[in-house]
C-alpha atoms as a PDB file:
ATOM      1  CA  MET A   1     159.369  60.278 163.102  1.00  0.00           C
ATOM      2  CA  GLY A   2     156.219  61.997 161.828  1.00  0.00           C
ATOM      3  CA  SER A   3     157.962  65.185 160.716  1.00  0.00           C
ATOM      4  CA  VAL A   4     160.598  63.193 158.834  1.00  0.00           C
ATOM      5  CA  LYS A   5     157.966  61.119 157.069  1.00  0.00           C
ATOM      6  CA  GLN A   6     156.023  64.293 156.266  1.00  0.00           C
ATOM      7  CA  HIS A   7     158.885  65.439 154.007  1.00  0.00           C
ATOM      8  CA  PHE A   8     158.421  62.342 151.889  1.00  0.00           C
ATOM      9  CA  ILE A   9     154.653  62.683 151.829  1.00  0.00           C
ATOM     10  CA  GLU A  10     154.960  66.302 150.626  1.00  0.00           C
ATOM     11  CA  ALA A  11     157.505  65.289 147.981  1.00  0.00           C
ATOM     12  CA  GLN A  12     155.207  62.512 146.796  1.00  0.00           C
ATOM     13  CA  SER A  13     152.278  64.906 146.566  1.00  0.00           C
ATOM     14  CA  VAL A  14     154.217  67.379 144.416  1.00  0.00           C
ATOM     15  CA  LEU A  15     155.474  64.555 142.199  1.00  0.00           C
ATOM     16  CA  ILE A  16     151.913  63.262 141.766  1.00  0.00           C
ATOM     17  CA  ASP A  17     150.810  66.767 140.730  1.00  0.00           C
ATOM     18  CA  PHE A  18     153.632  66.921 138.185  1.00  0.00           C
ATOM     19  CA  LEU A  19     152.804  63.451 136.840  1.00  0.00           C
ATOM     20  CA  ALA A  20     149.139  64.400 136.400  1.00  0.00           C
ATOM     21  CA  ASP A  21     149.945  66.979 133.703  1.00  0.00           C
ATOM     22  CA  ASP A  22     151.034  65.252 130.488  1.00  0.00           C
ATOM     23  CA  SER A  23     152.159  68.557 128.999  1.00  0.00           C
ATOM     24  CA  ASN A  24     155.144  68.384 131.381  1.00  0.00           C
ATOM     25  CA  PHE A  25     156.477  65.366 129.515  1.00  0.00           C
ATOM     26  CA  GLN A  26     156.015  66.992 126.131  1.00  0.00           C
ATOM     27  CA  LYS A  27     157.961  70.003 127.399  1.00  0.00           C
ATOM     28  CA  ILE A  28     160.761  67.739 128.632  1.00  0.00           C
ATOM     29  CA  GLU A  29     160.889  66.047 125.228  1.00  0.00           C
ATOM     30  CA  ASP A  30     160.894  69.441 123.480  1.00  0.00           C
ATOM     31  CA  ALA A  31     163.756  70.574 125.722  1.00  0.00           C
ATOM     32  CA  GLY A  32     165.612  67.305 125.126  1.00  0.00           C
ATOM     33  CA  LYS A  33     165.362  67.818 121.375  1.00  0.00           C
ATOM     34  CA  ILE A  34     166.735  71.357 121.648  1.00  0.00           C
ATOM     35  CA  LEU A  35     169.661  70.082 123.732  1.00  0.00           C
ATOM     36  CA  SER A  36     170.370  67.109 121.457  1.00  0.00           C
ATOM     37  CA  ASP A  37     170.170  69.205 118.288  1.00  0.00           C
ATOM     38  CA  ALA A  38     172.550  71.809 119.723  1.00  0.00           C
ATOM     39  CA  LEU A  39     175.099  69.224 120.826  1.00  0.00           C
ATOM     40  CA  ALA A  40     174.843  67.299 117.546  1.00  0.00           C
ATOM     41  CA  SER A  41     175.566  70.562 115.703  1.00  0.00           C
ATOM     42  CA  GLY A  42     178.739  71.184 117.700  1.00  0.00           C
ATOM     43  CA  ASN A  43     177.233  73.750 120.048  1.00  0.00           C
ATOM     44  CA  LYS A  44     177.327  73.844 123.840  1.00  0.00           C
ATOM     45  CA  ILE A  45     175.009  74.012 126.833  1.00  0.00           C
ATOM     46  CA  ILE A  46     175.538  76.762 129.422  1.00  0.00           C
ATOM     47  CA  SER A  47     173.675  76.374 132.719  1.00  0.00           C
ATOM     48  CA  CYS A  48     173.066  78.745 135.612  1.00  0.00           C
ATOM     49  CA  GLY A  49     171.116  79.168 138.832  1.00  0.00           C
ATOM     50  CA  ASN A  50     171.491  80.414 142.415  1.00  0.00           C
ATOM     51  CA  GLY A  51     172.065  78.431 145.600  1.00  0.00           C
ATOM     52  CA  GLY A  52     170.616  74.942 145.256  1.00  0.00           C
ATOM     53  CA  SER A  53     169.739  75.753 141.659  1.00  0.00           C
ATOM     54  CA  MET A  54     173.426  76.474 141.010  1.00  0.00           C
ATOM     55  CA  CYS A  55     174.220  73.043 142.395  1.00  0.00           C
ATOM     56  CA  ASP A  56     171.626  71.608 139.993  1.00  0.00           C
ATOM     57  CA  ALA A  57     173.135  73.614 137.106  1.00  0.00           C
ATOM     58  CA  MET A  58     176.570  72.245 137.983  1.00  0.00           C
ATOM     59  CA  HIS A  59     175.224  68.708 138.289  1.00  0.00           C
ATOM     60  CA  PHE A  60     173.510  68.996 134.895  1.00  0.00           C
ATOM     61  CA  ALA A  61     176.703  70.203 133.193  1.00  0.00           C
ATOM     62  CA  GLU A  62     178.989  67.632 134.782  1.00  0.00           C
ATOM     63  CA  GLU A  63     176.668  64.743 133.900  1.00  0.00           C
ATOM     64  CA  LEU A  64     176.850  65.860 130.254  1.00  0.00           C
ATOM     65  CA  SER A  65     180.585  66.571 130.113  1.00  0.00           C
ATOM     66  CA  GLY A  66     181.377  63.606 132.349  1.00  0.00           C
ATOM     67  CA  ARG A  67     179.172  60.546 132.537  1.00  0.00           C
ATOM     68  CA  TYR A  68     175.570  59.822 133.435  1.00  0.00           C
ATOM     69  CA  ARG A  69     174.606  56.161 133.046  1.00  0.00           C
ATOM     70  CA  ASN A  70     176.481  55.099 129.934  1.00  0.00           C
ATOM     71  CA  ASP A  71     179.996  55.482 128.591  1.00  0.00           C
ATOM     72  CA  ARG A  72     179.952  57.934 125.698  1.00  0.00           C
ATOM     73  CA  LYS A  73     181.900  60.859 124.338  1.00  0.00           C
ATOM     74  CA  ALA A  74     182.063  63.966 126.498  1.00  0.00           C
ATOM     75  CA  LEU A  75     179.401  66.548 125.673  1.00  0.00           C
ATOM     76  CA  ALA A  76     180.001  70.308 125.613  1.00  0.00           C
ATOM     77  CA  ALA A  77     178.330  71.621 128.768  1.00  0.00           C
ATOM     78  CA  LEU A  78     179.414  73.995 131.516  1.00  0.00           C
ATOM     79  CA  SER A  79     177.830  75.797 134.415  1.00  0.00           C
ATOM     80  CA  ILE A  80     178.471  79.411 135.301  1.00  0.00           C
ATOM     81  CA  SER A  81     179.818  78.703 138.753  1.00  0.00           C
ATOM     82  CA  ASP A  82     183.463  79.769 138.842  1.00  0.00           C
ATOM     83  CA  PRO A  83     183.879  81.661 142.145  1.00  0.00           C
ATOM     84  CA  SER A  84     186.471  84.072 140.746  1.00  0.00           C
ATOM     85  CA  HIS A  85     184.173  85.005 137.830  1.00  0.00           C
ATOM     86  CA  LEU A  86     181.163  85.402 140.122  1.00  0.00           C
ATOM     87  CA  SER A  87     182.999  87.583 142.641  1.00  0.00           C
ATOM     88  CA  CYS A  88     184.725  89.658 139.942  1.00  0.00           C
ATOM     89  CA  VAL A  89     181.496  90.455 138.102  1.00  0.00           C
ATOM     90  CA  ALA A  90     179.531  90.964 141.323  1.00  0.00           C
ATOM     91  CA  ASN A  91     182.169  93.434 142.508  1.00  0.00           C
ATOM     92  CA  ASP A  92     182.494  95.313 139.210  1.00  0.00           C
ATOM     93  CA  TYR A  93     178.931  95.219 137.833  1.00  0.00           C
ATOM     94  CA  GLY A  94     176.667  93.849 140.573  1.00  0.00           C
ATOM     95  CA  TYR A  95     175.304  90.395 141.308  1.00  0.00           C
ATOM     96  CA  ASP A  96     172.497  90.831 138.763  1.00  0.00           C
ATOM     97  CA  PHE A  97     175.065  90.369 135.965  1.00  0.00           C
ATOM     98  CA  VAL A  98     177.152  87.406 137.164  1.00  0.00           C
ATOM     99  CA  PHE A  99     175.533  85.050 134.644  1.00  0.00           C
ATOM    100  CA  SER A 100     174.840  87.409 131.755  1.00  0.00           C
ATOM    101  CA  ARG A 101     178.481  88.500 131.519  1.00  0.00           C
ATOM    102  CA  MET A 102     179.557  84.904 130.959  1.00  0.00           C
ATOM    103  CA  VAL A 103     176.782  84.344 128.398  1.00  0.00           C
ATOM    104  CA  GLU A 104     178.012  87.497 126.606  1.00  0.00           C
ATOM    105  CA  ALA A 105     181.582  86.190 126.725  1.00  0.00           C
ATOM    106  CA  ILE A 106     181.138  82.599 125.529  1.00  0.00           C
ATOM    107  CA  GLY A 107     177.594  82.210 124.215  1.00  0.00           C
ATOM    108  CA  GLN A 108     177.238  81.700 120.475  1.00  0.00           C
ATOM    109  CA  ARG A 109     174.238  81.359 118.173  1.00  0.00           C
ATOM    110  CA  GLY A 110     173.106  77.737 118.365  1.00  0.00           C
ATOM    111  CA  ASP A 111     174.146  77.244 121.996  1.00  0.00           C
ATOM    112  CA  VAL A 112     171.539  76.645 124.709  1.00  0.00           C
ATOM    113  CA  LEU A 113     171.149  78.438 128.027  1.00  0.00           C
ATOM    114  CA  PHE A 114     169.745  76.115 130.687  1.00  0.00           C
ATOM    115  CA  ALA A 115     168.395  78.527 133.317  1.00  0.00           C
ATOM    116  CA  ILE A 116     167.097  77.436 136.723  1.00  0.00           C
ATOM    117  CA  SER A 117     165.097  79.519 139.208  1.00  0.00           C
ATOM    118  CA  THR A 118     162.521  78.081 141.599  1.00  0.00           C
ATOM    119  CA  SER A 119     160.699  81.423 141.650  1.00  0.00           C
ATOM    120  CA  GLY A 120     161.276  82.257 137.992  1.00  0.00           C
ATOM    121  CA  ASN A 121     162.220  85.764 139.105  1.00  0.00           C
ATOM    122  CA  SER A 122     165.937  85.692 139.957  1.00  0.00           C
ATOM    123  CA  GLU A 123     167.235  88.895 138.400  1.00  0.00           C
ATOM    124  CA  ASN A 124     170.636  87.470 137.477  1.00  0.00           C
ATOM    125  CA  VAL A 125     168.984  84.532 135.703  1.00  0.00           C
ATOM    126  CA  LEU A 126     166.620  86.920 133.891  1.00  0.00           C
ATOM    127  CA  GLN A 127     169.614  88.991 132.762  1.00  0.00           C
ATOM    128  CA  ALA A 128     171.312  85.816 131.500  1.00  0.00           C
ATOM    129  CA  ILE A 129     168.195  84.986 129.471  1.00  0.00           C
ATOM    130  CA  LEU A 130     168.176  88.464 127.942  1.00  0.00           C
ATOM    131  CA  ALA A 131     171.860  88.122 127.014  1.00  0.00           C
ATOM    132  CA  ALA A 132     171.206  84.664 125.569  1.00  0.00           C
ATOM    133  CA  LYS A 133     168.334  85.914 123.427  1.00  0.00           C
ATOM    134  CA  GLU A 134     170.456  88.800 122.175  1.00  0.00           C
ATOM    135  CA  LYS A 135     173.165  86.352 121.076  1.00  0.00           C
ATOM    136  CA  GLY A 136     170.783  83.859 119.445  1.00  0.00           C
ATOM    137  CA  LEU A 137     170.800  81.101 122.069  1.00  0.00           C
ATOM    138  CA  LYS A 138     167.775  78.941 122.781  1.00  0.00           C
ATOM    139  CA  VAL A 139     166.642  79.059 126.410  1.00  0.00           C
ATOM    140  CA  ILE A 140     165.334  76.176 128.492  1.00  0.00           C
ATOM    141  CA  GLY A 141     164.031  77.190 131.905  1.00  0.00           C
ATOM    142  CA  LEU A 142     163.244  75.214 135.031  1.00  0.00           C
ATOM    143  CA  THR A 143     160.904  77.195 137.264  1.00  0.00           C
ATOM    144  CA  GLY A 144     158.385  76.797 140.054  1.00  0.00           C
ATOM    145  CA  LYS A 145     155.411  78.627 141.552  1.00  0.00           C
ATOM    146  CA  ASP A 146     153.720  80.533 138.671  1.00  0.00           C
ATOM    147  CA  GLY A 147     156.843  80.511 136.466  1.00  0.00           C
ATOM    148  CA  GLY A 148     157.592  84.135 137.273  1.00  0.00           C
ATOM    149  CA  LYS A 149     159.024  86.444 134.640  1.00  0.00           C
ATOM    150  CA  MET A 150     160.994  83.553 133.152  1.00  0.00           C
ATOM    151  CA  ALA A 151     157.862  81.772 131.954  1.00  0.00           C
ATOM    152  CA  SER A 152     157.384  84.004 128.924  1.00  0.00           C
ATOM    153  CA  MET A 153     161.100  84.363 128.193  1.00  0.00           C
ATOM    154  CA  CYS A 154     162.018  80.713 127.632  1.00  0.00           C
ATOM    155  CA  ASP A 155     161.758  78.679 124.453  1.00  0.00           C
ATOM    156  CA  VAL A 156     160.744  75.797 126.713  1.00  0.00           C
ATOM    157  CA  GLU A 157     159.780  76.202 130.374  1.00  0.00           C
ATOM    158  CA  VAL A 158     159.320  73.209 132.668  1.00  0.00           C
ATOM    159  CA  ARG A 159     157.567  74.289 135.849  1.00  0.00           C
ATOM    160  CA  ALA A 160     157.447  72.428 139.143  1.00  0.00           C
ATOM    161  CA  PRO A 161     153.983  72.434 140.731  1.00  0.00           C
ATOM    162  CA  ILE A 162     153.227  75.091 143.314  1.00  0.00           C
ATOM    163  CA  SER A 163     154.411  74.119 146.774  1.00  0.00           C
ATOM    164  CA  ASN A 164     155.197  75.953 149.993  1.00  0.00           C
ATOM    165  CA  PHE A 165     158.960  75.510 149.792  1.00  0.00           C
ATOM    166  CA  ALA A 166     161.711  75.784 147.164  1.00  0.00           C
ATOM    167  CA  ASP A 167     163.092  72.349 148.018  1.00  0.00           C
ATOM    168  CA  ARG A 168     159.966  70.697 146.595  1.00  0.00           C
ATOM    169  CA  ALA A 169     160.568  72.494 143.280  1.00  0.00           C
ATOM    170  CA  GLN A 170     164.237  71.474 143.384  1.00  0.00           C
ATOM    171  CA  GLU A 171     163.218  67.847 143.801  1.00  0.00           C
ATOM    172  CA  ILE A 172     161.179  68.062 140.604  1.00  0.00           C
ATOM    173  CA  HIS A 173     164.008  69.916 138.876  1.00  0.00           C
ATOM    174  CA  ILE A 174     166.513  67.142 139.572  1.00  0.00           C
ATOM    175  CA  LYS A 175     164.090  64.569 138.125  1.00  0.00           C
ATOM    176  CA  VAL A 176     163.703  66.746 135.017  1.00  0.00           C
ATOM    177  CA  ILE A 177     167.485  67.151 134.760  1.00  0.00           C
ATOM    178  CA  HIS A 178     168.060  63.401 134.887  1.00  0.00           C
ATOM    179  CA  SER A 179     165.293  62.841 132.325  1.00  0.00           C
ATOM    180  CA  LEU A 180     166.907  65.377 129.988  1.00  0.00           C
ATOM    181  CA  ILE A 181     170.346  63.818 130.309  1.00  0.00           C
ATOM    182  CA  ASP A 182     168.851  60.410 129.569  1.00  0.00           C
ATOM    183  CA  TYR A 183     167.042  61.878 126.530  1.00  0.00           C
ATOM    184  CA  VAL A 184     170.287  63.381 125.228  1.00  0.00           C
ATOM    185  CA  GLU A 185     172.190  60.115 125.700  1.00  0.00           C
ATOM    186  CA  ARG A 186     169.518  58.155 123.836  1.00  0.00           C
ATOM    187  CA  HIS A 187     169.289  60.632 120.933  1.00  0.00           C
ATOM    188  CA  LEU A 188     172.956  61.376 120.202  1.00  0.00           C
END
């Protein structure tokens, strides 16, 4: 039982570290405003990430286009997670471009790229950010560790506290995602 309980103790410790830095909540509010403003202006949110972060990107998009806590109109959000797109681009251009090609294809000035990487260094996420910047999208990043290369590339970066494992960062990321969806619902 001790090793099971230890997971919860570690998660609590990382959450306490996150809660101790009030700038995290200002960053979440700043990101929420960017998202709300984009959606209110008729723009869309495009999300991406790898592995568990892709699952978080998908969850974020479906909670906006579907439903979170309240009934409301559907919001324009999608994740770059279509297997045929990913395998096509990976085959033709390489895995580093699976997200950027979609941003190039559908991203428009005023849209927002919601990029997730627990290390902040996933090359395909970095390429998506570069494509987003080139097309005039705002970029919100969820990172971990020291923020990696993403830290300086995002309009707003929300960083999970340093921990030994990516799952601790992902646990913070899902809390941030739910907070952002709640912010959007309350401000639209």
